[in-house]
């Protein structure tokens, strides 16, 4: 079997509702993953693209978030409505969806404009 062209990880971490970090599962990440899987299947990309659920990707403030490898493109605030654009533009055409990208300066950063304490 050939290697996957792209591997997509969708955060599905679950935390208690009172946790200040929140969690992607409470922000509809399961529906995002389901929509990604359905689109990949419908478009016959199953042998080229793999969609996986992941534990915490440590970008909670940007959730729901996904990361696409091998490019290491991080997407944040992803909604089910964004899935078709991600699949078509990034997974098929190889062009990341810039409007959904988490800026590199926010990945694992101590300060980020998206963090609640920065607002």
PDB file of N, CA and C in Angstrom:
ATOM      1  N   UNK A   1       0.833  -1.176   0.000  1.00  0.00           N
ATOM      2  CA  UNK A   1       0.000   0.000   0.000  1.00  0.00           C
ATOM      3  C   UNK A   1       0.880   1.243   0.000  1.00  0.00           C
ATOM      4  N   UNK A   2       0.597   2.222  -0.863  1.00  0.00           N
ATOM      5  CA  UNK A   2       1.401   3.448  -0.888  1.00  0.00           C
ATOM      6  C   UNK A   2       1.148   4.294   0.362  1.00  0.00           C
ATOM      7  N   UNK A   3       2.081   5.170   0.648  1.00  0.00           N
ATOM      8  CA  UNK A   3       1.937   6.079   1.781  1.00  0.00           C
ATOM      9  C   UNK A   3       0.825   7.083   1.504  1.00  0.00           C
ATOM     10  N   UNK A   4       0.217   7.580   2.565  1.00  0.00           N
ATOM     11  CA  UNK A   4      -0.783   8.627   2.406  1.00  0.00           C
ATOM     12  C   UNK A   4      -0.093   9.909   1.945  1.00  0.00           C
ATOM     13  N   UNK A   5      -0.764  10.644   1.072  1.00  0.00           N
ATOM     14  CA  UNK A   5      -0.245  11.950   0.650  1.00  0.00           C
ATOM     15  C   UNK A   5      -0.396  12.970   1.768  1.00  0.00           C
ATOM     16  N   UNK A   6      -1.504  12.863   2.491  1.00  0.00           N
ATOM     17  CA  UNK A   6      -1.764  13.787   3.592  1.00  0.00           C
ATOM     18  C   UNK A   6      -2.412  13.030   4.739  1.00  0.00           C
ATOM     19  N   UNK A   7      -2.065  13.452   5.928  1.00  0.00           N
ATOM     20  CA  UNK A   7      -2.613  12.855   7.143  1.00  0.00           C
ATOM     21  C   UNK A   7      -3.187  14.015   7.956  1.00  0.00           C
ATOM     22  N   UNK A   8      -4.475  13.930   8.285  1.00  0.00           N
ATOM     23  CA  UNK A   8      -5.181  15.010   8.970  1.00  0.00           C
ATOM     24  C   UNK A   8      -5.547  14.545  10.377  1.00  0.00           C
ATOM     25  N   UNK A   9      -5.119  15.305  11.363  1.00  0.00           N
ATOM     26  CA  UNK A   9      -5.446  15.005  12.746  1.00  0.00           C
ATOM     27  C   UNK A   9      -6.437  16.051  13.252  1.00  0.00           C
ATOM     28  N   UNK A  10      -7.533  15.575  13.821  1.00  0.00           N
ATOM     29  CA  UNK A  10      -8.584  16.447  14.339  1.00  0.00           C
ATOM     30  C   UNK A  10      -8.611  16.297  15.859  1.00  0.00           C
ATOM     31  N   UNK A  11      -8.429  17.392  16.575  1.00  0.00           N
ATOM     32  CA  UNK A  11      -8.463  17.324  18.033  1.00  0.00           C
ATOM     33  C   UNK A  11      -9.865  16.940  18.492  1.00  0.00           C
ATOM     34  N   UNK A  12      -9.921  15.968  19.376  1.00  0.00           N
ATOM     35  CA  UNK A  12     -11.186  15.523  19.940  1.00  0.00           C
ATOM     36  C   UNK A  12     -11.061  15.428  21.460  1.00  0.00           C
ATOM     37  N   UNK A  13     -10.202  16.248  22.023  1.00  0.00           N
ATOM     38  CA  UNK A  13      -9.977  16.189  23.455  1.00  0.00           C
ATOM     39  C   UNK A  13     -11.245  16.559  24.219  1.00  0.00           C
ATOM     40  N   UNK A  14     -11.438  15.886  25.371  1.00  0.00           N
ATOM     41  CA  UNK A  14     -12.603  16.142  26.221  1.00  0.00           C
ATOM     42  C   UNK A  14     -12.109  16.579  27.590  1.00  0.00           C
ATOM     43  N   UNK A  15     -12.627  17.708  28.051  1.00  0.00           N
ATOM     44  CA  UNK A  15     -12.324  18.208  29.398  1.00  0.00           C
ATOM     45  C   UNK A  15     -13.646  18.530  30.092  1.00  0.00           C
ATOM     46  N   UNK A  16     -13.623  18.634  31.406  1.00  0.00           N
ATOM     47  CA  UNK A  16     -14.836  19.044  32.115  1.00  0.00           C
ATOM     48  C   UNK A  16     -15.282  20.443  31.656  1.00  0.00           C
ATOM     49  N   UNK A  17     -16.576  20.706  31.671  1.00  0.00           N
ATOM     50  CA  UNK A  17     -17.088  22.003  31.200  1.00  0.00           C
ATOM     51  C   UNK A  17     -16.498  23.216  31.912  1.00  0.00           C
ATOM     52  N   UNK A  18     -16.058  23.053  33.159  1.00  0.00           N
ATOM     53  CA  UNK A  18     -15.523  24.198  33.901  1.00  0.00           C
ATOM     54  C   UNK A  18     -14.018  24.394  33.709  1.00  0.00           C
ATOM     55  N   UNK A  19     -13.385  23.583  32.873  1.00  0.00           N
ATOM     56  CA  UNK A  19     -11.949  23.736  32.635  1.00  0.00           C
ATOM     57  C   UNK A  19     -11.708  25.013  31.835  1.00  0.00           C
ATOM     58  N   UNK A  20     -10.827  25.892  32.302  1.00  0.00           N
ATOM     59  CA  UNK A  20     -10.609  27.167  31.615  1.00  0.00           C
ATOM     60  C   UNK A  20     -10.023  27.026  30.203  1.00  0.00           C
ATOM     61  N   UNK A  21      -9.373  25.911  29.919  1.00  0.00           N
ATOM     62  CA  UNK A  21      -8.814  25.720  28.570  1.00  0.00           C
ATOM     63  C   UNK A  21      -9.890  25.326  27.572  1.00  0.00           C
ATOM     64  N   UNK A  22     -11.004  24.816  28.074  1.00  0.00           N
ATOM     65  CA  UNK A  22     -12.039  24.331  27.175  1.00  0.00           C
ATOM     66  C   UNK A  22     -11.572  23.069  26.475  1.00  0.00           C
ATOM     67  N   UNK A  23     -12.339  22.633  25.490  1.00  0.00           N
ATOM     68  CA  UNK A  23     -11.925  21.463  24.731  1.00  0.00           C
ATOM     69  C   UNK A  23     -12.577  21.486  23.355  1.00  0.00           C
ATOM     70  N   UNK A  24     -11.900  20.870  22.412  1.00  0.00           N
ATOM     71  CA  UNK A  24     -12.386  20.868  21.031  1.00  0.00           C
ATOM     72  C   UNK A  24     -13.661  20.054  20.867  1.00  0.00           C
ATOM     73  N   UNK A  25     -13.804  18.982  21.625  1.00  0.00           N
ATOM     74  CA  UNK A  25     -15.007  18.164  21.468  1.00  0.00           C
ATOM     75  C   UNK A  25     -16.261  18.966  21.802  1.00  0.00           C
ATOM     76  N   UNK A  26     -16.183  19.869  22.759  1.00  0.00           N
ATOM     77  CA  UNK A  26     -17.325  20.714  23.112  1.00  0.00           C
ATOM     78  C   UNK A  26     -17.596  21.775  22.046  1.00  0.00           C
ATOM     79  N   UNK A  27     -16.642  21.951  21.134  1.00  0.00           N
ATOM     80  CA  UNK A  27     -16.783  22.942  20.060  1.00  0.00           C
ATOM     81  C   UNK A  27     -17.089  22.276  18.724  1.00  0.00           C
ATOM     82  N   UNK A  28     -17.608  21.042  18.783  1.00  0.00           N
ATOM     83  CA  UNK A  28     -18.101  20.335  17.586  1.00  0.00           C
ATOM     84  C   UNK A  28     -17.020  19.679  16.738  1.00  0.00           C
ATOM     85  N   UNK A  29     -15.899  19.317  17.343  1.00  0.00           N
ATOM     86  CA  UNK A  29     -14.812  18.708  16.568  1.00  0.00           C
ATOM     87  C   UNK A  29     -15.179  17.337  16.004  1.00  0.00           C
ATOM     88  N   UNK A  30     -16.041  16.596  16.687  1.00  0.00           N
ATOM     89  CA  UNK A  30     -16.436  15.281  16.173  1.00  0.00           C
ATOM     90  C   UNK A  30     -17.197  15.438  14.862  1.00  0.00           C
ATOM     91  N   UNK A  31     -18.065  16.433  14.790  1.00  0.00           N
ATOM     92  CA  UNK A  31     -18.805  16.687  13.549  1.00  0.00           C
ATOM     93  C   UNK A  31     -17.862  17.116  12.428  1.00  0.00           C
ATOM     94  N   UNK A  32     -16.830  17.880  12.760  1.00  0.00           N
ATOM     95  CA  UNK A  32     -15.827  18.284  11.763  1.00  0.00           C
ATOM     96  C   UNK A  32     -15.111  17.041  11.230  1.00  0.00           C
ATOM     97  N   UNK A  33     -14.685  16.167  12.115  1.00  0.00           N
ATOM     98  CA  UNK A  33     -13.995  14.939  11.694  1.00  0.00           C
ATOM     99  C   UNK A  33     -14.918  14.066  10.852  1.00  0.00           C
ATOM    100  N   UNK A  34     -16.169  13.933  11.269  1.00  0.00           N
ATOM    101  CA  UNK A  34     -17.128  13.139  10.505  1.00  0.00           C
ATOM    102  C   UNK A  34     -17.328  13.713   9.104  1.00  0.00           C
ATOM    103  N   UNK A  35     -17.414  15.033   9.012  1.00  0.00           N
ATOM    104  CA  UNK A  35     -17.582  15.684   7.704  1.00  0.00           C
ATOM    105  C   UNK A  35     -16.341  15.491   6.837  1.00  0.00           C
ATOM    106  N   UNK A  36     -15.160  15.567   7.437  1.00  0.00           N
ATOM    107  CA  UNK A  36     -13.924  15.320   6.689  1.00  0.00           C
ATOM    108  C   UNK A  36     -13.890  13.888   6.157  1.00  0.00           C
ATOM    109  N   UNK A  37     -14.218  12.938   7.016  1.00  0.00           N
ATOM    110  CA  UNK A  37     -14.233  11.531   6.586  1.00  0.00           C
ATOM    111  C   UNK A  37     -15.236  11.313   5.458  1.00  0.00           C
ATOM    112  N   UNK A  38     -16.414  11.885   5.593  1.00  0.00           N
ATOM    113  CA  UNK A  38     -17.448  11.715   4.564  1.00  0.00           C
ATOM    114  C   UNK A  38     -16.996  12.311   3.232  1.00  0.00           C
ATOM    115  N   UNK A  39     -16.376  13.481   3.275  1.00  0.00           N
ATOM    116  CA  UNK A  39     -15.904  14.125   2.046  1.00  0.00           C
ATOM    117  C   UNK A  39     -14.790  13.305   1.400  1.00  0.00           C
ATOM    118  N   UNK A  40     -13.862  12.819   2.203  1.00  0.00           N
ATOM    119  CA  UNK A  40     -12.759  11.998   1.678  1.00  0.00           C
ATOM    120  C   UNK A  40     -13.317  10.736   1.021  1.00  0.00           C
ATOM    121  N   UNK A  41     -14.272  10.123   1.662  1.00  0.00           N
ATOM    122  CA  UNK A  41     -14.879   8.906   1.105  1.00  0.00           C
ATOM    123  C   UNK A  41     -15.646   9.227  -0.189  1.00  0.00           C
ATOM    124  N   UNK A  42     -16.485  10.257  -0.142  1.00  0.00           N
ATOM    125  CA  UNK A  42     -17.299  10.639  -1.294  1.00  0.00           C
ATOM    126  C   UNK A  42     -16.434  10.969  -2.517  1.00  0.00           C
ATOM    127  N   UNK A  43     -15.287  11.570  -2.281  1.00  0.00           N
ATOM    128  CA  UNK A  43     -14.413  11.992  -3.374  1.00  0.00           C
ATOM    129  C   UNK A  43     -13.375  10.937  -3.749  1.00  0.00           C
ATOM    130  N   UNK A  44     -13.432   9.779  -3.124  1.00  0.00           N
ATOM    131  CA  UNK A  44     -12.517   8.692  -3.462  1.00  0.00           C
ATOM    132  C   UNK A  44     -11.074   8.955  -3.068  1.00  0.00           C
ATOM    133  N   UNK A  45     -10.871   9.695  -1.995  1.00  0.00           N
ATOM    134  CA  UNK A  45      -9.515  10.045  -1.554  1.00  0.00           C
ATOM    135  C   UNK A  45      -8.978   9.107  -0.479  1.00  0.00           C
ATOM    136  N   UNK A  46      -9.738   8.073  -0.154  1.00  0.00           N
ATOM    137  CA  UNK A  46      -9.400   7.193   0.962  1.00  0.00           C
ATOM    138  C   UNK A  46      -8.003   6.609   0.942  1.00  0.00           C
ATOM    139  N   UNK A  47      -7.459   6.295  -0.189  1.00  0.00           N
ATOM    140  CA  UNK A  47      -6.114   5.740  -0.246  1.00  0.00           C
ATOM    141  C   UNK A  47      -5.033   6.799  -0.220  1.00  0.00           C
ATOM    142  N   UNK A  48      -5.440   8.073  -0.379  1.00  0.00           N
ATOM    143  CA  UNK A  48      -4.471   9.169  -0.437  1.00  0.00           C
ATOM    144  C   UNK A  48      -4.452  10.031   0.821  1.00  0.00           C
ATOM    145  N   UNK A  49      -5.607  10.118   1.482  1.00  0.00           N
ATOM    146  CA  UNK A  49      -5.758  11.005   2.634  1.00  0.00           C
ATOM    147  C   UNK A  49      -6.321  10.207   3.805  1.00  0.00           C
ATOM    148  N   UNK A  50      -5.752  10.405   4.976  1.00  0.00           N
ATOM    149  CA  UNK A  50      -6.219   9.722   6.182  1.00  0.00           C
ATOM    150  C   UNK A  50      -6.679  10.765   7.190  1.00  0.00           C
ATOM    151  N   UNK A  51      -7.876  10.581   7.734  1.00  0.00           N
ATOM    152  CA  UNK A  51      -8.418  11.459   8.767  1.00  0.00           C
ATOM    153  C   UNK A  51      -8.364  10.688  10.083  1.00  0.00           C
ATOM    154  N   UNK A  52      -7.738  11.273  11.097  1.00  0.00           N
ATOM    155  CA  UNK A  52      -7.638  10.631  12.412  1.00  0.00           C
ATOM    156  C   UNK A  52      -8.080  11.576  13.506  1.00  0.00           C
ATOM    157  N   UNK A  53      -8.729  11.004  14.513  1.00  0.00           N
ATOM    158  CA  UNK A  53      -9.013  11.758  15.727  1.00  0.00           C
ATOM    159  C   UNK A  53      -7.726  11.804  16.533  1.00  0.00           C
ATOM    160  N   UNK A  54      -7.538  12.878  17.255  1.00  0.00           N
ATOM    161  CA  UNK A  54      -6.346  13.035  18.085  1.00  0.00           C
ATOM    162  C   UNK A  54      -6.769  13.478  19.473  1.00  0.00           C
ATOM    163  N   UNK A  55      -5.926  13.204  20.419  1.00  0.00           N
ATOM    164  CA  UNK A  55      -6.099  13.789  21.738  1.00  0.00           C
ATOM    165  C   UNK A  55      -5.741  15.267  21.645  1.00  0.00           C
ATOM    166  N   UNK A  56      -5.461  15.864  22.745  1.00  0.00           N
ATOM    167  CA  UNK A  56      -5.173  17.293  22.775  1.00  0.00           C
ATOM    168  C   UNK A  56      -3.973  17.629  21.885  1.00  0.00           C
ATOM    169  N   UNK A  57      -4.177  18.596  21.012  1.00  0.00           N
ATOM    170  CA  UNK A  57      -3.095  19.092  20.161  1.00  0.00           C
ATOM    171  C   UNK A  57      -2.466  20.344  20.764  1.00  0.00           C
ATOM    172  N   UNK A  58      -2.919  20.710  21.964  1.00  0.00           N
ATOM    173  CA  UNK A  58      -2.362  21.811  22.752  1.00  0.00           C
ATOM    174  C   UNK A  58      -2.543  23.176  22.098  1.00  0.00           C
ATOM    175  N   UNK A  59      -3.588  23.312  21.322  1.00  0.00           N
ATOM    176  CA  UNK A  59      -3.921  24.599  20.720  1.00  0.00           C
ATOM    177  C   UNK A  59      -5.372  24.935  21.079  1.00  0.00           C
ATOM    178  N   UNK A  60      -5.736  24.684  22.325  1.00  0.00           N
ATOM    179  CA  UNK A  60      -7.122  24.725  22.790  1.00  0.00           C
ATOM    180  C   UNK A  60      -7.838  26.039  22.475  1.00  0.00           C
ATOM    181  N   UNK A  61      -7.134  27.130  22.586  1.00  0.00           N
ATOM    182  CA  UNK A  61      -7.748  28.436  22.353  1.00  0.00           C
ATOM    183  C   UNK A  61      -8.203  28.594  20.900  1.00  0.00           C
ATOM    184  N   UNK A  62      -7.677  27.791  19.995  1.00  0.00           N
ATOM    185  CA  UNK A  62      -8.002  27.872  18.576  1.00  0.00           C
ATOM    186  C   UNK A  62      -9.016  26.815  18.136  1.00  0.00           C
ATOM    187  N   UNK A  63      -9.583  26.092  19.080  1.00  0.00           N
ATOM    188  CA  UNK A  63     -10.418  24.953  18.728  1.00  0.00           C
ATOM    189  C   UNK A  63     -11.753  25.287  18.118  1.00  0.00           C
ATOM    190  N   UNK A  64     -12.296  24.348  17.386  1.00  0.00           N
ATOM    191  CA  UNK A  64     -11.688  23.083  17.030  1.00  0.00           C
ATOM    192  C   UNK A  64     -10.500  23.287  16.094  1.00  0.00           C
ATOM    193  N   UNK A  65      -9.475  22.505  16.310  1.00  0.00           N
ATOM    194  CA  UNK A  65      -8.300  22.647  15.460  1.00  0.00           C
ATOM    195  C   UNK A  65      -7.915  21.321  14.835  1.00  0.00           C
ATOM    196  N   UNK A  66      -7.265  21.465  13.674  1.00  0.00           N
ATOM    197  CA  UNK A  66      -6.759  20.299  12.953  1.00  0.00           C
ATOM    198  C   UNK A  66      -5.362  20.635  12.453  1.00  0.00           C
ATOM    199  N   UNK A  67      -4.586  19.597  12.205  1.00  0.00           N
ATOM    200  CA  UNK A  67      -3.262  19.785  11.613  1.00  0.00           C
ATOM    201  C   UNK A  67      -3.136  18.799  10.456  1.00  0.00           C
ATOM    202  N   UNK A  68      -2.572  19.287   9.365  1.00  0.00           N
ATOM    203  CA  UNK A  68      -2.409  18.482   8.151  1.00  0.00           C
ATOM    204  C   UNK A  68      -0.924  18.264   7.914  1.00  0.00           C
ATOM    205  N   UNK A  69      -0.564  16.990   7.820  1.00  0.00           N
ATOM    206  CA  UNK A  69       0.813  16.606   7.513  1.00  0.00           C
ATOM    207  C   UNK A  69       0.858  15.993   6.132  1.00  0.00           C
ATOM    208  N   UNK A  70       1.951  16.140   5.383  1.00  0.00           N
ATOM    209  CA  UNK A  70       3.288  16.494   5.858  1.00  0.00           C
ATOM    210  C   UNK A  70       3.573  17.991   5.929  1.00  0.00           C
ATOM    211  N   UNK A  71       2.651  18.831   5.498  1.00  0.00           N
ATOM    212  CA  UNK A  71       2.930  20.270   5.451  1.00  0.00           C
ATOM    213  C   UNK A  71       2.983  20.944   6.816  1.00  0.00           C
ATOM    214  N   UNK A  72       2.448  20.302   7.840  1.00  0.00           N
ATOM    215  CA  UNK A  72       2.365  20.893   9.173  1.00  0.00           C
ATOM    216  C   UNK A  72       1.547  22.168   9.164  1.00  0.00           C
ATOM    217  N   UNK A  73       0.417  22.133   8.479  1.00  0.00           N
ATOM    218  CA  UNK A  73      -0.489  23.276   8.421  1.00  0.00           C
ATOM    219  C   UNK A  73      -1.520  23.112   9.525  1.00  0.00           C
ATOM    220  N   UNK A  74      -1.602  24.122  10.378  1.00  0.00           N
ATOM    221  CA  UNK A  74      -2.540  24.133  11.495  1.00  0.00           C
ATOM    222  C   UNK A  74      -3.732  25.009  11.141  1.00  0.00           C
ATOM    223  N   UNK A  75      -4.923  24.450  11.361  1.00  0.00           N
ATOM    224  CA  UNK A  75      -6.159  25.202  11.155  1.00  0.00           C
ATOM    225  C   UNK A  75      -6.867  25.359  12.493  1.00  0.00           C
ATOM    226  N   UNK A  76      -7.469  26.526  12.688  1.00  0.00           N
ATOM    227  CA  UNK A  76      -8.203  26.773  13.922  1.00  0.00           C
ATOM    228  C   UNK A  76      -9.600  27.292  13.667  1.00  0.00           C
ATOM    229  N   UNK A  77     -10.419  27.153  14.687  1.00  0.00           N
ATOM    230  CA  UNK A  77     -11.806  27.607  14.645  1.00  0.00           C
ATOM    231  C   UNK A  77     -12.563  26.960  13.486  1.00  0.00           C
ATOM    232  N   UNK A  78     -12.227  25.706  13.184  1.00  0.00           N
ATOM    233  CA  UNK A  78     -12.804  24.997  12.038  1.00  0.00           C
ATOM    234  C   UNK A  78     -14.252  24.619  12.334  1.00  0.00           C
ATOM    235  N   UNK A  79     -15.105  24.882  11.363  1.00  0.00           N
ATOM    236  CA  UNK A  79     -16.519  24.524  11.443  1.00  0.00           C
ATOM    237  C   UNK A  79     -16.827  23.504  10.354  1.00  0.00           C
ATOM    238  N   UNK A  80     -17.920  22.799  10.526  1.00  0.00           N
ATOM    239  CA  UNK A  80     -18.352  21.830   9.513  1.00  0.00           C
ATOM    240  C   UNK A  80     -18.465  22.505   8.151  1.00  0.00           C
ATOM    241  N   UNK A  81     -18.923  23.746   8.135  1.00  0.00           N
ATOM    242  CA  UNK A  81     -19.074  24.480   6.875  1.00  0.00           C
ATOM    243  C   UNK A  81     -17.749  24.733   6.162  1.00  0.00           C
ATOM    244  N   UNK A  82     -16.628  24.626   6.862  1.00  0.00           N
ATOM    245  CA  UNK A  82     -15.298  24.856   6.284  1.00  0.00           C
ATOM    246  C   UNK A  82     -14.712  23.606   5.629  1.00  0.00           C
ATOM    247  N   UNK A  83     -15.290  22.467   5.909  1.00  0.00           N
ATOM    248  CA  UNK A  83     -14.690  21.193   5.500  1.00  0.00           C
ATOM    249  C   UNK A  83     -14.544  21.074   3.988  1.00  0.00           C
ATOM    250  N   UNK A  84     -15.569  21.395   3.232  1.00  0.00           N
ATOM    251  CA  UNK A  84     -15.480  21.257   1.772  1.00  0.00           C
ATOM    252  C   UNK A  84     -14.354  22.104   1.198  1.00  0.00           C
ATOM    253  N   UNK A  85     -14.179  23.308   1.731  1.00  0.00           N
ATOM    254  CA  UNK A  85     -13.096  24.183   1.263  1.00  0.00           C
ATOM    255  C   UNK A  85     -11.730  23.601   1.609  1.00  0.00           C
ATOM    256  N   UNK A  86     -11.581  23.068   2.813  1.00  0.00           N
ATOM    257  CA  UNK A  86     -10.310  22.457   3.207  1.00  0.00           C
ATOM    258  C   UNK A  86     -10.002  21.264   2.313  1.00  0.00           C
ATOM    259  N   UNK A  87     -10.996  20.426   2.087  1.00  0.00           N
ATOM    260  CA  UNK A  87     -10.782  19.231   1.265  1.00  0.00           C
ATOM    261  C   UNK A  87     -10.413  19.621  -0.157  1.00  0.00           C
ATOM    262  N   UNK A  88     -11.189  20.503  -0.755  1.00  0.00           N
ATOM    263  CA  UNK A  88     -10.935  20.877  -2.148  1.00  0.00           C
ATOM    264  C   UNK A  88      -9.616  21.627  -2.308  1.00  0.00           C
ATOM    265  N   UNK A  89      -9.448  22.676  -1.510  1.00  0.00           N
ATOM    266  CA  UNK A  89      -8.269  23.529  -1.676  1.00  0.00           C
ATOM    267  C   UNK A  89      -6.982  22.857  -1.197  1.00  0.00           C
ATOM    268  N   UNK A  90      -7.003  22.304  -0.001  1.00  0.00           N
ATOM    269  CA  UNK A  90      -5.755  21.775   0.562  1.00  0.00           C
ATOM    270  C   UNK A  90      -5.528  20.305   0.222  1.00  0.00           C
ATOM    271  N   UNK A  91      -6.506  19.475   0.517  1.00  0.00           N
ATOM    272  CA  UNK A  91      -6.270  18.037   0.350  1.00  0.00           C
ATOM    273  C   UNK A  91      -6.234  17.600  -1.103  1.00  0.00           C
ATOM    274  N   UNK A  92      -6.958  18.291  -1.971  1.00  0.00           N
ATOM    275  CA  UNK A  92      -6.944  17.931  -3.394  1.00  0.00           C
ATOM    276  C   UNK A  92      -5.960  18.800  -4.178  1.00  0.00           C
ATOM    277  N   UNK A  93      -6.062  20.125  -4.019  1.00  0.00           N
ATOM    278  CA  UNK A  93      -5.250  21.046  -4.831  1.00  0.00           C
ATOM    279  C   UNK A  93      -3.909  21.407  -4.200  1.00  0.00           C
ATOM    280  N   UNK A  94      -3.714  21.072  -2.929  1.00  0.00           N
ATOM    281  CA  UNK A  94      -2.439  21.351  -2.271  1.00  0.00           C
ATOM    282  C   UNK A  94      -2.251  22.788  -1.827  1.00  0.00           C
ATOM    283  N   UNK A  95      -3.347  23.575  -1.784  1.00  0.00           N
ATOM    284  CA  UNK A  95      -3.260  24.983  -1.372  1.00  0.00           C
ATOM    285  C   UNK A  95      -3.949  25.155  -0.024  1.00  0.00           C
ATOM    286  N   UNK A  96      -3.188  25.421   1.029  1.00  0.00           N
ATOM    287  CA  UNK A  96      -3.815  25.622   2.342  1.00  0.00           C
ATOM    288  C   UNK A  96      -4.844  26.754   2.311  1.00  0.00           C
ATOM    289  N   UNK A  97      -5.830  26.643   3.171  1.00  0.00           N
ATOM    290  CA  UNK A  97      -6.884  27.655   3.296  1.00  0.00           C
ATOM    291  C   UNK A  97      -6.388  28.710   4.287  1.00  0.00           C
ATOM    292  N   UNK A  98      -5.891  29.802   3.751  1.00  0.00           N
ATOM    293  CA  UNK A  98      -5.215  30.811   4.577  1.00  0.00           C
ATOM    294  C   UNK A  98      -6.122  31.416   5.640  1.00  0.00           C
ATOM    295  N   UNK A  99      -7.389  31.605   5.342  1.00  0.00           N
ATOM    296  CA  UNK A  99      -8.286  32.263   6.301  1.00  0.00           C
ATOM    297  C   UNK A  99      -8.488  31.427   7.570  1.00  0.00           C
ATOM    298  N   UNK A 100      -8.186  30.130   7.505  1.00  0.00           N
ATOM    299  CA  UNK A 100      -8.368  29.248   8.658  1.00  0.00           C
ATOM    300  C   UNK A 100      -7.059  28.874   9.343  1.00  0.00           C
ATOM    301  N   UNK A 101      -5.947  29.269   8.768  1.00  0.00           N
ATOM    302  CA  UNK A 101      -4.648  28.893   9.341  1.00  0.00           C
ATOM    303  C   UNK A 101      -4.413  29.576  10.677  1.00  0.00           C
ATOM    304  N   UNK A 102      -3.863  28.808  11.591  1.00  0.00           N
ATOM    305  CA  UNK A 102      -3.381  29.393  12.836  1.00  0.00           C
ATOM    306  C   UNK A 102      -1.996  29.954  12.518  1.00  0.00           C
ATOM    307  N   UNK A 103      -1.763  31.240  12.782  1.00  0.00           N
ATOM    308  CA  UNK A 103      -0.443  31.795  12.492  1.00  0.00           C
ATOM    309  C   UNK A 103       0.661  31.031  13.222  1.00  0.00           C
ATOM    310  N   UNK A 104       1.769  30.844  12.548  1.00  0.00           N
ATOM    311  CA  UNK A 104       2.902  30.146  13.167  1.00  0.00           C
ATOM    312  C   UNK A 104       3.289  30.796  14.496  1.00  0.00           C
ATOM    313  N   UNK A 105       3.120  32.107  14.578  1.00  0.00           N
ATOM    314  CA  UNK A 105       3.491  32.821  15.800  1.00  0.00           C
ATOM    315  C   UNK A 105       2.586  32.463  16.977  1.00  0.00           C
ATOM    316  N   UNK A 106       1.462  31.807  16.710  1.00  0.00           N
ATOM    317  CA  UNK A 106       0.538  31.402  17.781  1.00  0.00           C
ATOM    318  C   UNK A 106       0.721  29.946  18.209  1.00  0.00           C
ATOM    319  N   UNK A 107       1.404  29.151  17.401  1.00  0.00           N
ATOM    320  CA  UNK A 107       1.570  27.741  17.723  1.00  0.00           C
ATOM    321  C   UNK A 107       2.543  27.606  18.890  1.00  0.00           C
ATOM    322  N   UNK A 108       2.081  27.009  19.962  1.00  0.00           N
ATOM    323  CA  UNK A 108       2.886  26.798  21.166  1.00  0.00           C
ATOM    324  C   UNK A 108       3.500  28.084  21.712  1.00  0.00           C
ATOM    325  N   UNK A 109       2.812  29.198  21.500  1.00  0.00           N
ATOM    326  CA  UNK A 109       3.321  30.495  21.952  1.00  0.00           C
ATOM    327  C   UNK A 109       2.770  30.834  23.332  1.00  0.00           C
ATOM    328  N   UNK A 110       3.576  31.519  24.112  1.00  0.00           N
ATOM    329  CA  UNK A 110       3.135  31.960  25.436  1.00  0.00           C
ATOM    330  C   UNK A 110       2.040  33.013  25.313  1.00  0.00           C
ATOM    331  N   UNK A 111       2.105  33.815  24.270  1.00  0.00           N
ATOM    332  CA  UNK A 111       1.093  34.851  24.043  1.00  0.00           C
ATOM    333  C   UNK A 111       0.585  34.740  22.613  1.00  0.00           C
ATOM    334  N   UNK A 112      -0.719  34.902  22.486  1.00  0.00           N
ATOM    335  CA  UNK A 112      -1.360  34.820  21.178  1.00  0.00           C
ATOM    336  C   UNK A 112      -2.574  35.739  21.215  1.00  0.00           C
ATOM    337  N   UNK A 113      -2.857  36.462  20.141  1.00  0.00           N
ATOM    338  CA  UNK A 113      -4.013  37.363  20.162  1.00  0.00           C
ATOM    339  C   UNK A 113      -5.347  36.639  20.331  1.00  0.00           C
ATOM    340  N   UNK A 114      -5.374  35.326  20.129  1.00  0.00           N
ATOM    341  CA  UNK A 114      -6.609  34.562  20.294  1.00  0.00           C
ATOM    342  C   UNK A 114      -6.859  34.151  21.744  1.00  0.00           C
ATOM    343  N   UNK A 115      -5.824  34.221  22.574  1.00  0.00           N
ATOM    344  CA  UNK A 115      -5.963  33.790  23.961  1.00  0.00           C
ATOM    345  C   UNK A 115      -6.879  34.741  24.714  1.00  0.00           C
ATOM    346  N   UNK A 116      -7.768  34.220  25.543  1.00  0.00           N
ATOM    347  CA  UNK A 116      -8.718  35.076  26.266  1.00  0.00           C
ATOM    348  C   UNK A 116      -8.048  36.174  27.073  1.00  0.00           C
ATOM    349  N   UNK A 117      -6.899  35.881  27.682  1.00  0.00           N
ATOM    350  CA  UNK A 117      -6.239  36.906  28.499  1.00  0.00           C
ATOM    351  C   UNK A 117      -5.640  38.030  27.657  1.00  0.00           C
ATOM    352  N   UNK A 118      -5.529  37.826  26.322  1.00  0.00           N
ATOM    353  CA  UNK A 118      -4.970  38.855  25.444  1.00  0.00           C
ATOM    354  C   UNK A 118      -6.056  39.804  24.938  1.00  0.00           C
ATOM    355  N   UNK A 119      -7.311  39.450  25.171  1.00  0.00           N
ATOM    356  CA  UNK A 119      -8.412  40.285  24.661  1.00  0.00           C
ATOM    357  C   UNK A 119      -8.746  41.384  25.597  1.00  0.00           C
TER     358      UNK A 119
END
